[in-house]
N, C-alpha and C. Protein backbone atom coordinates (compact mmCIF):
# COMPACT_ATOMS: atom_id res chain seq x y z
N MET A 1 -70.32 -79.07 97.18
CA MET A 1 -71.21 -77.96 97.47
C MET A 1 -72.27 -77.84 96.39
N ASN A 2 -73.51 -77.61 96.80
CA ASN A 2 -74.59 -77.45 95.85
C ASN A 2 -74.48 -76.13 95.11
N GLU A 3 -75.05 -76.11 93.92
CA GLU A 3 -75.08 -74.88 93.15
C GLU A 3 -76.16 -73.97 93.72
N ILE A 4 -76.02 -72.68 93.46
CA ILE A 4 -76.97 -71.70 93.95
C ILE A 4 -78.38 -71.99 93.43
N LYS A 5 -78.49 -72.39 92.16
CA LYS A 5 -79.83 -72.63 91.61
C LYS A 5 -80.53 -73.81 92.27
N ASP A 6 -79.78 -74.64 93.03
CA ASP A 6 -80.39 -75.78 93.72
C ASP A 6 -80.89 -75.43 95.12
N ILE A 7 -80.71 -74.20 95.56
CA ILE A 7 -81.20 -73.79 96.88
C ILE A 7 -82.73 -73.90 96.87
N THR A 8 -83.27 -74.47 97.92
CA THR A 8 -84.70 -74.81 97.99
C THR A 8 -85.63 -73.65 97.66
N ILE A 9 -85.39 -72.48 98.23
CA ILE A 9 -86.29 -71.35 97.99
C ILE A 9 -86.30 -70.95 96.51
N PHE A 10 -85.19 -71.15 95.82
CA PHE A 10 -85.14 -70.87 94.39
C PHE A 10 -85.87 -71.96 93.61
N GLN A 11 -85.67 -73.20 93.99
CA GLN A 11 -86.37 -74.31 93.34
C GLN A 11 -87.89 -74.17 93.49
N ASN A 12 -88.33 -73.72 94.65
CA ASN A 12 -89.77 -73.56 94.92
C ASN A 12 -90.42 -72.46 94.10
N ASN A 13 -89.63 -71.57 93.54
CA ASN A 13 -90.18 -70.40 92.86
C ASN A 13 -89.75 -70.30 91.40
N SER A 14 -89.65 -71.46 90.78
CA SER A 14 -89.33 -71.54 89.36
C SER A 14 -90.51 -71.02 88.54
N SER A 15 -90.22 -70.36 87.43
CA SER A 15 -91.26 -69.78 86.59
C SER A 15 -90.72 -69.63 85.18
N THR A 16 -91.52 -69.04 84.30
CA THR A 16 -91.03 -68.71 82.97
C THR A 16 -90.71 -67.22 82.94
N LEU A 17 -89.82 -66.84 82.05
CA LEU A 17 -89.50 -65.43 81.91
C LEU A 17 -90.74 -64.65 81.50
N LYS A 18 -91.57 -65.23 80.65
CA LYS A 18 -92.81 -64.57 80.23
C LYS A 18 -93.67 -64.23 81.44
N GLU A 19 -93.84 -65.18 82.33
CA GLU A 19 -94.70 -64.96 83.50
C GLU A 19 -94.13 -63.87 84.41
N THR A 20 -92.82 -63.81 84.54
CA THR A 20 -92.22 -62.78 85.40
C THR A 20 -92.28 -61.40 84.75
N SER A 21 -92.51 -61.35 83.44
CA SER A 21 -92.58 -60.07 82.73
C SER A 21 -94.00 -59.52 82.64
N LYS A 22 -94.93 -60.21 83.28
CA LYS A 22 -96.35 -59.82 83.20
C LYS A 22 -96.56 -58.46 83.84
N ASP A 23 -97.27 -57.61 83.13
CA ASP A 23 -97.60 -56.28 83.63
C ASP A 23 -98.96 -56.34 84.32
N THR A 24 -99.23 -55.37 85.17
CA THR A 24 -100.55 -55.30 85.79
C THR A 24 -101.58 -55.06 84.71
N PRO A 25 -102.78 -55.61 84.86
CA PRO A 25 -103.80 -55.43 83.82
C PRO A 25 -104.10 -53.96 83.57
N ASP A 26 -104.33 -53.63 82.28
CA ASP A 26 -104.66 -52.24 81.95
C ASP A 26 -106.13 -51.97 82.25
N MET A 27 -106.63 -50.78 81.87
CA MET A 27 -108.01 -50.39 82.18
C MET A 27 -109.04 -51.33 81.56
N ASN A 28 -108.68 -51.99 80.47
CA ASN A 28 -109.58 -52.93 79.80
C ASN A 28 -109.47 -54.34 80.37
N GLY A 29 -108.57 -54.52 81.33
CA GLY A 29 -108.36 -55.85 81.91
C GLY A 29 -107.39 -56.71 81.12
N SER A 30 -106.79 -56.14 80.09
CA SER A 30 -105.83 -56.89 79.27
C SER A 30 -104.51 -57.03 80.01
N ILE A 31 -103.92 -58.21 79.89
CA ILE A 31 -102.62 -58.46 80.50
C ILE A 31 -101.57 -58.46 79.40
N ASN A 32 -100.51 -57.70 79.62
CA ASN A 32 -99.44 -57.60 78.64
C ASN A 32 -98.17 -58.21 79.22
N TYR A 33 -97.34 -58.74 78.33
CA TYR A 33 -96.06 -59.33 78.71
C TYR A 33 -94.95 -58.59 77.97
N MET A 34 -93.81 -58.45 78.61
CA MET A 34 -92.66 -57.80 77.97
C MET A 34 -91.89 -58.78 77.09
N THR A 35 -92.10 -60.08 77.30
CA THR A 35 -91.46 -61.10 76.48
C THR A 35 -92.37 -62.32 76.41
N GLU A 36 -92.20 -63.09 75.38
CA GLU A 36 -92.95 -64.34 75.22
C GLU A 36 -92.08 -65.55 75.56
N SER A 37 -90.88 -65.30 76.04
CA SER A 37 -89.91 -66.37 76.30
C SER A 37 -90.39 -67.33 77.39
N MET A 38 -90.24 -68.61 77.11
CA MET A 38 -90.59 -69.66 78.08
C MET A 38 -89.35 -70.16 78.83
N LEU A 39 -88.28 -69.40 78.78
CA LEU A 39 -87.05 -69.72 79.49
C LEU A 39 -87.36 -69.85 80.99
N THR A 40 -86.81 -70.89 81.62
CA THR A 40 -87.04 -71.10 83.05
C THR A 40 -86.14 -70.17 83.85
N VAL A 41 -86.78 -69.40 84.74
CA VAL A 41 -86.08 -68.47 85.62
C VAL A 41 -86.65 -68.62 87.03
N ILE A 42 -86.12 -67.85 87.95
CA ILE A 42 -86.64 -67.81 89.31
C ILE A 42 -87.48 -66.55 89.45
N ASN A 43 -88.72 -66.71 89.88
CA ASN A 43 -89.59 -65.56 90.12
C ASN A 43 -89.14 -64.93 91.43
N PHE A 44 -88.38 -63.84 91.33
CA PHE A 44 -87.79 -63.27 92.55
C PHE A 44 -88.82 -62.54 93.40
N ASP A 45 -89.91 -62.09 92.79
CA ASP A 45 -91.00 -61.51 93.58
C ASP A 45 -91.56 -62.56 94.53
N ASN A 46 -91.70 -63.79 94.05
CA ASN A 46 -92.20 -64.88 94.90
C ASN A 46 -91.16 -65.32 95.92
N VAL A 47 -89.87 -65.27 95.55
CA VAL A 47 -88.80 -65.58 96.51
C VAL A 47 -88.90 -64.61 97.68
N LYS A 48 -89.07 -63.33 97.37
CA LYS A 48 -89.19 -62.30 98.41
C LYS A 48 -90.36 -62.61 99.35
N LEU A 49 -91.50 -63.01 98.78
CA LEU A 49 -92.68 -63.31 99.61
C LEU A 49 -92.42 -64.51 100.52
N GLU A 50 -91.78 -65.56 99.99
CA GLU A 50 -91.46 -66.72 100.81
C GLU A 50 -90.41 -66.36 101.87
N TYR A 51 -89.44 -65.58 101.48
CA TYR A 51 -88.37 -65.17 102.39
C TYR A 51 -88.91 -64.37 103.59
N THR A 52 -89.88 -63.49 103.34
CA THR A 52 -90.40 -62.62 104.40
C THR A 52 -91.61 -63.19 105.14
N LYS A 53 -92.11 -64.34 104.69
CA LYS A 53 -93.36 -64.90 105.24
C LYS A 53 -93.35 -65.02 106.76
N ASN A 54 -92.29 -65.47 107.35
CA ASN A 54 -92.23 -65.68 108.80
C ASN A 54 -91.45 -64.60 109.55
N LEU A 55 -91.18 -63.48 108.89
CA LEU A 55 -90.38 -62.44 109.52
C LEU A 55 -91.21 -61.34 110.18
N SER A 56 -92.50 -61.32 109.97
CA SER A 56 -93.39 -60.30 110.53
C SER A 56 -92.90 -58.89 110.22
N VAL A 57 -92.55 -58.65 108.95
CA VAL A 57 -92.07 -57.33 108.56
C VAL A 57 -93.24 -56.36 108.43
N PRO A 58 -93.08 -55.11 108.87
CA PRO A 58 -94.18 -54.17 108.80
C PRO A 58 -94.47 -53.71 107.37
N GLU A 59 -93.47 -53.80 106.51
CA GLU A 59 -93.64 -53.41 105.11
C GLU A 59 -92.89 -54.40 104.24
N THR A 60 -93.57 -54.96 103.25
CA THR A 60 -92.93 -55.93 102.37
C THR A 60 -91.86 -55.24 101.53
N PRO A 61 -90.66 -55.80 101.47
CA PRO A 61 -89.61 -55.18 100.66
C PRO A 61 -89.96 -55.24 99.18
N LYS A 62 -89.24 -54.47 98.41
CA LYS A 62 -89.37 -54.48 96.94
C LYS A 62 -88.45 -55.57 96.41
N SER A 63 -88.68 -55.96 95.16
CA SER A 63 -87.80 -56.97 94.58
C SER A 63 -87.80 -56.89 93.06
N ASN A 64 -86.71 -57.39 92.48
CA ASN A 64 -86.63 -57.51 91.03
C ASN A 64 -87.57 -58.62 90.59
N ASP A 65 -87.92 -58.62 89.31
CA ASP A 65 -88.88 -59.59 88.80
C ASP A 65 -88.33 -61.00 88.70
N ALA A 66 -87.11 -61.14 88.19
CA ALA A 66 -86.60 -62.48 87.90
C ALA A 66 -85.12 -62.58 88.23
N LEU A 67 -84.70 -63.81 88.48
CA LEU A 67 -83.29 -64.15 88.65
C LEU A 67 -83.02 -65.31 87.68
N TYR A 68 -82.10 -65.09 86.77
CA TYR A 68 -81.72 -66.14 85.82
C TYR A 68 -80.31 -66.59 86.18
N ILE A 69 -80.17 -67.88 86.46
CA ILE A 69 -78.87 -68.43 86.85
C ILE A 69 -78.38 -69.39 85.77
N ILE A 70 -77.30 -69.02 85.12
CA ILE A 70 -76.66 -69.92 84.17
C ILE A 70 -75.78 -70.89 84.96
N ASN A 71 -74.96 -70.33 85.85
CA ASN A 71 -74.17 -71.10 86.81
C ASN A 71 -73.79 -70.15 87.94
N ASP A 72 -73.05 -70.63 88.92
CA ASP A 72 -72.73 -69.81 90.08
C ASP A 72 -71.90 -68.57 89.76
N SER A 73 -71.26 -68.55 88.61
CA SER A 73 -70.45 -67.39 88.26
C SER A 73 -71.08 -66.52 87.16
N GLU A 74 -72.30 -66.86 86.76
CA GLU A 74 -73.01 -66.04 85.76
C GLU A 74 -74.51 -66.05 86.05
N MET A 75 -74.93 -64.97 86.72
CA MET A 75 -76.34 -64.83 87.11
C MET A 75 -76.82 -63.44 86.71
N TYR A 76 -78.14 -63.32 86.53
CA TYR A 76 -78.73 -62.06 86.10
C TYR A 76 -80.01 -61.76 86.88
N PHE A 77 -80.06 -60.60 87.52
CA PHE A 77 -81.32 -60.05 87.99
C PHE A 77 -81.96 -59.36 86.80
N ILE A 78 -83.26 -59.55 86.62
CA ILE A 78 -83.98 -58.92 85.51
C ILE A 78 -85.18 -58.17 86.07
N GLU A 79 -85.31 -56.93 85.68
CA GLU A 79 -86.45 -56.10 86.06
C GLU A 79 -87.13 -55.61 84.80
N PHE A 80 -88.43 -55.86 84.68
CA PHE A 80 -89.21 -55.42 83.52
C PHE A 80 -90.01 -54.18 83.89
N LYS A 81 -89.92 -53.14 83.05
CA LYS A 81 -90.69 -51.92 83.26
C LYS A 81 -91.38 -51.56 81.95
N SER A 82 -92.68 -51.86 81.86
CA SER A 82 -93.39 -51.54 80.62
C SER A 82 -93.84 -50.09 80.60
N GLY A 83 -93.97 -49.47 81.76
CA GLY A 83 -94.36 -48.07 81.83
C GLY A 83 -93.17 -47.19 82.14
N PHE A 84 -93.46 -46.02 82.65
CA PHE A 84 -92.42 -45.07 83.01
C PHE A 84 -91.50 -45.67 84.08
N VAL A 85 -90.20 -45.46 83.95
CA VAL A 85 -89.23 -45.99 84.90
C VAL A 85 -89.05 -45.01 86.06
N ASP A 86 -89.54 -45.41 87.22
CA ASP A 86 -89.38 -44.63 88.44
C ASP A 86 -88.02 -45.02 89.04
N ARG A 87 -87.05 -44.13 88.93
CA ARG A 87 -85.67 -44.46 89.33
C ARG A 87 -85.56 -44.80 90.80
N PHE A 88 -86.28 -44.09 91.65
CA PHE A 88 -86.21 -44.37 93.08
C PHE A 88 -86.71 -45.79 93.36
N ASN A 89 -87.83 -46.16 92.75
CA ASN A 89 -88.41 -47.49 92.94
C ASN A 89 -87.46 -48.58 92.42
N VAL A 90 -86.83 -48.35 91.28
CA VAL A 90 -85.89 -49.32 90.72
C VAL A 90 -84.70 -49.51 91.66
N ARG A 91 -84.17 -48.42 92.20
CA ARG A 91 -83.05 -48.52 93.14
C ARG A 91 -83.44 -49.26 94.41
N LEU A 92 -84.63 -49.00 94.91
CA LEU A 92 -85.11 -49.70 96.09
C LEU A 92 -85.22 -51.20 95.83
N LYS A 93 -85.71 -51.57 94.65
CA LYS A 93 -85.79 -52.98 94.28
C LYS A 93 -84.41 -53.62 94.23
N ILE A 94 -83.45 -52.88 93.69
CA ILE A 94 -82.07 -53.39 93.62
C ILE A 94 -81.53 -53.65 95.02
N PHE A 95 -81.62 -52.65 95.89
CA PHE A 95 -81.05 -52.80 97.24
C PHE A 95 -81.74 -53.92 98.02
N ASP A 96 -83.08 -53.94 98.00
CA ASP A 96 -83.80 -54.99 98.74
C ASP A 96 -83.47 -56.37 98.18
N SER A 97 -83.42 -56.49 96.86
CA SER A 97 -83.11 -57.78 96.23
C SER A 97 -81.70 -58.24 96.58
N LEU A 98 -80.74 -57.30 96.58
CA LEU A 98 -79.37 -57.66 96.94
C LEU A 98 -79.28 -58.16 98.38
N LEU A 99 -79.97 -57.50 99.29
CA LEU A 99 -79.95 -57.95 100.68
C LEU A 99 -80.57 -59.34 100.83
N ILE A 100 -81.66 -59.57 100.12
CA ILE A 100 -82.33 -60.87 100.20
C ILE A 100 -81.45 -61.97 99.62
N ILE A 101 -80.91 -61.76 98.43
CA ILE A 101 -80.13 -62.83 97.79
C ILE A 101 -78.85 -63.11 98.56
N THR A 102 -78.18 -62.08 99.07
CA THR A 102 -76.93 -62.34 99.80
C THR A 102 -77.20 -63.10 101.10
N ASP A 103 -78.35 -62.87 101.72
CA ASP A 103 -78.70 -63.64 102.91
C ASP A 103 -79.02 -65.08 102.54
N ILE A 104 -79.77 -65.28 101.48
CA ILE A 104 -80.16 -66.63 101.06
C ILE A 104 -78.94 -67.47 100.67
N ILE A 105 -78.04 -66.88 99.88
CA ILE A 105 -76.89 -67.67 99.39
C ILE A 105 -75.71 -67.64 100.35
N LYS A 106 -75.84 -66.83 101.42
CA LYS A 106 -74.79 -66.75 102.45
C LYS A 106 -73.46 -66.28 101.88
N LYS A 107 -73.54 -65.30 101.00
CA LYS A 107 -72.35 -64.68 100.41
C LYS A 107 -72.56 -63.17 100.42
N GLY A 108 -71.46 -62.42 100.38
CA GLY A 108 -71.54 -60.97 100.45
C GLY A 108 -71.55 -60.29 99.10
N ILE A 109 -71.50 -58.96 99.18
CA ILE A 109 -71.50 -58.13 97.97
C ILE A 109 -70.27 -58.41 97.11
N CYS A 110 -69.17 -58.80 97.72
CA CYS A 110 -67.98 -59.12 96.90
C CYS A 110 -68.29 -60.27 95.94
N PHE A 111 -69.21 -61.16 96.33
CA PHE A 111 -69.62 -62.25 95.43
C PHE A 111 -70.50 -61.72 94.30
N THR A 112 -71.48 -60.87 94.62
CA THR A 112 -72.38 -60.35 93.58
C THR A 112 -71.62 -59.47 92.59
N ARG A 113 -70.63 -58.75 93.10
CA ARG A 113 -69.82 -57.87 92.26
C ARG A 113 -69.09 -58.65 91.17
N LYS A 114 -68.77 -59.91 91.44
CA LYS A 114 -68.03 -60.73 90.48
C LYS A 114 -68.93 -61.64 89.63
N ASN A 115 -70.15 -61.94 90.13
CA ASN A 115 -70.94 -63.00 89.49
C ASN A 115 -72.37 -62.64 89.11
N LEU A 116 -72.88 -61.53 89.58
CA LEU A 116 -74.28 -61.17 89.35
C LEU A 116 -74.37 -59.92 88.49
N ASN A 117 -75.17 -60.00 87.42
CA ASN A 117 -75.41 -58.88 86.52
C ASN A 117 -76.83 -58.37 86.74
N TYR A 118 -77.09 -57.17 86.26
CA TYR A 118 -78.43 -56.57 86.39
C TYR A 118 -78.89 -56.09 85.02
N ILE A 119 -80.14 -56.43 84.68
CA ILE A 119 -80.72 -55.99 83.42
C ILE A 119 -82.06 -55.31 83.71
N LEU A 120 -82.19 -54.07 83.27
CA LEU A 120 -83.49 -53.38 83.29
C LEU A 120 -84.00 -53.39 81.86
N VAL A 121 -85.16 -54.02 81.65
CA VAL A 121 -85.78 -54.09 80.34
C VAL A 121 -86.94 -53.09 80.35
N TYR A 122 -86.88 -52.11 79.46
CA TYR A 122 -87.89 -51.05 79.48
C TYR A 122 -88.59 -50.94 78.13
N ASN A 123 -89.68 -50.20 78.14
CA ASN A 123 -90.44 -49.91 76.93
C ASN A 123 -89.91 -48.59 76.39
N ILE A 124 -89.23 -48.62 75.28
CA ILE A 124 -88.57 -47.43 74.74
C ILE A 124 -89.56 -46.31 74.43
N ASP A 125 -90.78 -46.66 74.03
CA ASP A 125 -91.76 -45.62 73.67
C ASP A 125 -92.19 -44.80 74.88
N ARG A 126 -92.08 -45.35 76.07
CA ARG A 126 -92.50 -44.63 77.27
C ARG A 126 -91.33 -44.05 78.04
N ASN A 127 -90.11 -44.23 77.54
CA ASN A 127 -88.93 -43.77 78.27
C ASN A 127 -87.88 -43.19 77.32
N LYS A 128 -88.22 -42.10 76.68
CA LYS A 128 -87.28 -41.42 75.79
C LYS A 128 -86.14 -40.81 76.61
N LEU A 129 -84.97 -40.74 76.04
CA LEU A 129 -83.81 -40.16 76.71
C LEU A 129 -84.02 -38.67 76.91
N THR A 130 -83.89 -38.19 78.14
CA THR A 130 -84.07 -36.77 78.45
C THR A 130 -82.76 -36.02 78.24
N GLU A 131 -82.85 -34.71 78.13
CA GLU A 131 -81.64 -33.89 77.99
C GLU A 131 -80.73 -34.06 79.20
N LYS A 132 -81.31 -34.15 80.40
CA LYS A 132 -80.51 -34.33 81.60
C LYS A 132 -79.73 -35.65 81.54
N GLU A 133 -80.39 -36.72 81.08
CA GLU A 133 -79.71 -38.02 80.94
C GLU A 133 -78.58 -37.92 79.93
N LYS A 134 -78.83 -37.21 78.83
CA LYS A 134 -77.78 -37.06 77.83
C LYS A 134 -76.57 -36.37 78.44
N ALA A 135 -76.82 -35.37 79.27
CA ALA A 135 -75.72 -34.66 79.93
C ALA A 135 -74.98 -35.60 80.88
N GLU A 136 -75.72 -36.43 81.64
CA GLU A 136 -75.09 -37.37 82.57
C GLU A 136 -74.27 -38.41 81.82
N ILE A 137 -74.79 -38.85 80.70
CA ILE A 137 -74.11 -39.89 79.92
C ILE A 137 -72.82 -39.35 79.32
N THR A 138 -72.88 -38.17 78.72
CA THR A 138 -71.71 -37.63 78.04
C THR A 138 -70.74 -37.00 79.01
N GLN A 139 -71.24 -36.53 80.15
CA GLN A 139 -70.44 -35.80 81.12
C GLN A 139 -69.75 -34.60 80.46
N LEU A 140 -70.36 -34.08 79.45
CA LEU A 140 -69.90 -32.89 78.73
C LEU A 140 -71.08 -31.94 78.60
N GLN A 141 -70.81 -30.76 78.09
CA GLN A 141 -71.92 -29.85 77.83
C GLN A 141 -72.83 -30.50 76.80
N THR A 142 -74.12 -30.25 76.96
CA THR A 142 -75.06 -30.86 76.03
C THR A 142 -75.24 -29.99 74.79
N SER A 143 -74.83 -30.52 73.70
CA SER A 143 -75.14 -29.91 72.41
C SER A 143 -75.59 -31.06 71.53
N GLN A 144 -76.49 -30.77 70.64
CA GLN A 144 -77.02 -31.83 69.77
C GLN A 144 -75.89 -32.49 68.96
N SER A 145 -74.96 -31.68 68.44
CA SER A 145 -73.90 -32.26 67.62
C SER A 145 -72.97 -33.13 68.46
N MET A 146 -72.69 -32.72 69.70
CA MET A 146 -71.84 -33.53 70.58
C MET A 146 -72.54 -34.85 70.92
N ASN A 147 -73.85 -34.79 71.21
CA ASN A 147 -74.60 -36.01 71.51
C ASN A 147 -74.59 -36.97 70.32
N ARG A 148 -74.78 -36.44 69.12
CA ARG A 148 -74.76 -37.31 67.93
C ARG A 148 -73.38 -37.95 67.77
N PHE A 149 -72.32 -37.15 67.98
CA PHE A 149 -70.96 -37.66 67.86
C PHE A 149 -70.72 -38.79 68.87
N ILE A 150 -71.13 -38.57 70.11
CA ILE A 150 -70.90 -39.57 71.16
C ILE A 150 -71.72 -40.83 70.87
N LYS A 151 -72.96 -40.67 70.42
CA LYS A 151 -73.77 -41.85 70.08
C LYS A 151 -73.10 -42.66 68.96
N THR A 152 -72.54 -41.96 67.98
CA THR A 152 -71.85 -42.64 66.88
C THR A 152 -70.64 -43.41 67.42
N MET A 153 -69.89 -42.78 68.31
CA MET A 153 -68.73 -43.43 68.90
C MET A 153 -69.14 -44.64 69.75
N GLU A 154 -70.25 -44.53 70.47
CA GLU A 154 -70.74 -45.66 71.26
C GLU A 154 -71.10 -46.83 70.37
N LYS A 155 -71.73 -46.56 69.25
CA LYS A 155 -72.08 -47.63 68.32
C LYS A 155 -70.83 -48.32 67.78
N ARG A 156 -69.83 -47.52 67.43
CA ARG A 156 -68.60 -48.09 66.89
C ARG A 156 -67.82 -48.87 67.93
N SER A 157 -67.84 -48.40 69.16
CA SER A 157 -67.06 -49.07 70.22
C SER A 157 -67.79 -50.28 70.79
N GLY A 158 -69.10 -50.34 70.58
CA GLY A 158 -69.87 -51.45 71.13
C GLY A 158 -70.25 -51.25 72.59
N GLU A 159 -69.92 -50.11 73.16
CA GLU A 159 -70.27 -49.80 74.54
C GLU A 159 -71.71 -49.31 74.59
N SER A 160 -72.46 -49.81 75.54
CA SER A 160 -73.86 -49.40 75.65
C SER A 160 -74.04 -48.37 76.75
N ILE A 161 -75.07 -47.60 76.60
CA ILE A 161 -75.40 -46.57 77.58
C ILE A 161 -76.15 -47.23 78.73
N ILE A 162 -75.77 -46.90 79.94
CA ILE A 162 -76.51 -47.36 81.11
C ILE A 162 -77.40 -46.20 81.53
N ARG A 163 -78.70 -46.38 81.34
CA ARG A 163 -79.67 -45.30 81.57
C ARG A 163 -80.21 -45.32 82.99
N PHE A 164 -81.04 -44.33 83.27
CA PHE A 164 -81.82 -44.21 84.51
C PHE A 164 -80.92 -44.13 85.75
N THR A 165 -79.77 -43.51 85.61
CA THR A 165 -78.79 -43.31 86.69
C THR A 165 -78.40 -44.61 87.40
N LEU A 166 -78.32 -45.69 86.65
CA LEU A 166 -77.95 -46.99 87.24
C LEU A 166 -76.48 -47.33 87.06
N LYS A 167 -75.73 -46.47 86.42
CA LYS A 167 -74.32 -46.75 86.15
C LYS A 167 -73.53 -46.99 87.44
N ARG A 168 -73.90 -46.30 88.51
CA ARG A 168 -73.17 -46.41 89.78
C ARG A 168 -73.19 -47.84 90.35
N PHE A 169 -74.15 -48.67 89.92
CA PHE A 169 -74.25 -50.02 90.45
C PHE A 169 -73.25 -50.98 89.79
N LYS A 170 -72.76 -50.59 88.61
CA LYS A 170 -71.79 -51.43 87.90
C LYS A 170 -70.46 -51.38 88.62
N THR A 171 -69.90 -52.50 88.88
CA THR A 171 -68.65 -52.74 89.59
C THR A 171 -68.70 -52.42 91.09
N LEU A 172 -69.76 -51.76 91.54
CA LEU A 172 -69.93 -51.53 92.97
C LEU A 172 -70.70 -52.71 93.59
N TYR A 173 -71.82 -53.08 92.94
CA TYR A 173 -72.64 -54.18 93.43
C TYR A 173 -72.80 -55.31 92.42
N PHE A 174 -72.72 -54.97 91.12
CA PHE A 174 -72.92 -55.96 90.06
C PHE A 174 -71.69 -56.04 89.16
N LYS A 175 -71.54 -57.19 88.53
CA LYS A 175 -70.48 -57.37 87.55
C LYS A 175 -70.71 -56.43 86.37
N ASP A 176 -71.96 -56.36 85.92
CA ASP A 176 -72.31 -55.46 84.82
C ASP A 176 -73.77 -55.05 84.97
N VAL A 177 -74.11 -53.92 84.36
CA VAL A 177 -75.47 -53.40 84.39
C VAL A 177 -75.87 -53.07 82.96
N PHE A 178 -77.08 -53.49 82.58
CA PHE A 178 -77.59 -53.23 81.24
C PHE A 178 -78.97 -52.59 81.35
N THR A 179 -79.21 -51.57 80.56
CA THR A 179 -80.55 -51.01 80.42
C THR A 179 -80.89 -51.11 78.93
N VAL A 180 -81.83 -51.98 78.61
CA VAL A 180 -82.15 -52.27 77.21
C VAL A 180 -83.65 -52.26 77.00
N ASP A 181 -84.05 -51.88 75.79
CA ASP A 181 -85.47 -52.00 75.49
C ASP A 181 -85.77 -53.47 75.19
N LYS A 182 -87.05 -53.80 75.12
CA LYS A 182 -87.41 -55.21 75.01
C LYS A 182 -86.90 -55.86 73.73
N ASN A 183 -86.74 -55.11 72.64
CA ASN A 183 -86.20 -55.69 71.41
C ASN A 183 -84.71 -55.99 71.56
N GLU A 184 -83.97 -55.07 72.19
CA GLU A 184 -82.55 -55.31 72.46
C GLU A 184 -82.37 -56.51 73.39
N PHE A 185 -83.26 -56.65 74.35
CA PHE A 185 -83.19 -57.77 75.29
C PHE A 185 -83.30 -59.10 74.55
N GLU A 186 -84.23 -59.16 73.60
CA GLU A 186 -84.38 -60.39 72.79
C GLU A 186 -83.09 -60.69 72.03
N LYS A 187 -82.54 -59.67 71.37
CA LYS A 187 -81.36 -59.87 70.53
C LYS A 187 -80.10 -60.15 71.34
N LYS A 188 -79.88 -59.34 72.37
CA LYS A 188 -78.61 -59.39 73.10
C LYS A 188 -78.54 -60.54 74.10
N PHE A 189 -79.69 -60.90 74.69
CA PHE A 189 -79.67 -61.90 75.75
C PHE A 189 -80.43 -63.17 75.39
N LEU A 190 -81.71 -63.05 75.10
CA LEU A 190 -82.53 -64.24 74.89
C LEU A 190 -82.04 -65.11 73.74
N ASN A 191 -81.59 -64.50 72.66
CA ASN A 191 -81.09 -65.30 71.54
C ASN A 191 -79.92 -66.18 71.97
N ASN A 192 -79.09 -65.70 72.89
CA ASN A 192 -77.96 -66.50 73.40
C ASN A 192 -78.42 -67.51 74.43
N TRP A 193 -79.29 -67.11 75.32
CA TRP A 193 -79.73 -67.99 76.42
C TRP A 193 -80.58 -69.15 75.93
N GLU A 194 -81.37 -68.93 74.92
CA GLU A 194 -82.31 -69.96 74.46
C GLU A 194 -81.68 -70.91 73.45
N ASN A 195 -80.49 -70.63 73.00
CA ASN A 195 -79.81 -71.51 72.02
C ASN A 195 -78.75 -72.35 72.67
């Protein structure tokens, strides 16, 4: 049996991680990237376009930016958000991308739950933690001292916070879910993947 990364539609849409992290040009026409990594990934936005090309859909589905496949049992959807994180839009991208990939690979959610991870890479300066998020994370009353205590415990335990109400996707649809700023992404993932 062929590996998932050898599926034709994935082979046709190979790209670099840098290219998939490209942001829309700003008012000055400058193009910004969330990473400079030249790691080869699958441009999932392009996969979506090829997938829907002959379907005559009235509205193009949303999709995650990249799919990185180490092997059939370790894959990562990656979504880059350099601006404000619109939670509804991110969730829509997750659901549409899951439906597309499960159809392409001919496997169900039970497969993604065991083998596919999700990473949201965000710009920390544009997405500060809100009081409501702190309350959701701690599931306790929000007090500054309690939040500091819990953050200290998280650092010691090595457990990371899953932000933007994406925790529900962990173990339901994905093996794991990560919400990291672009510097954490470099340290936690790219340093391992590129070596």
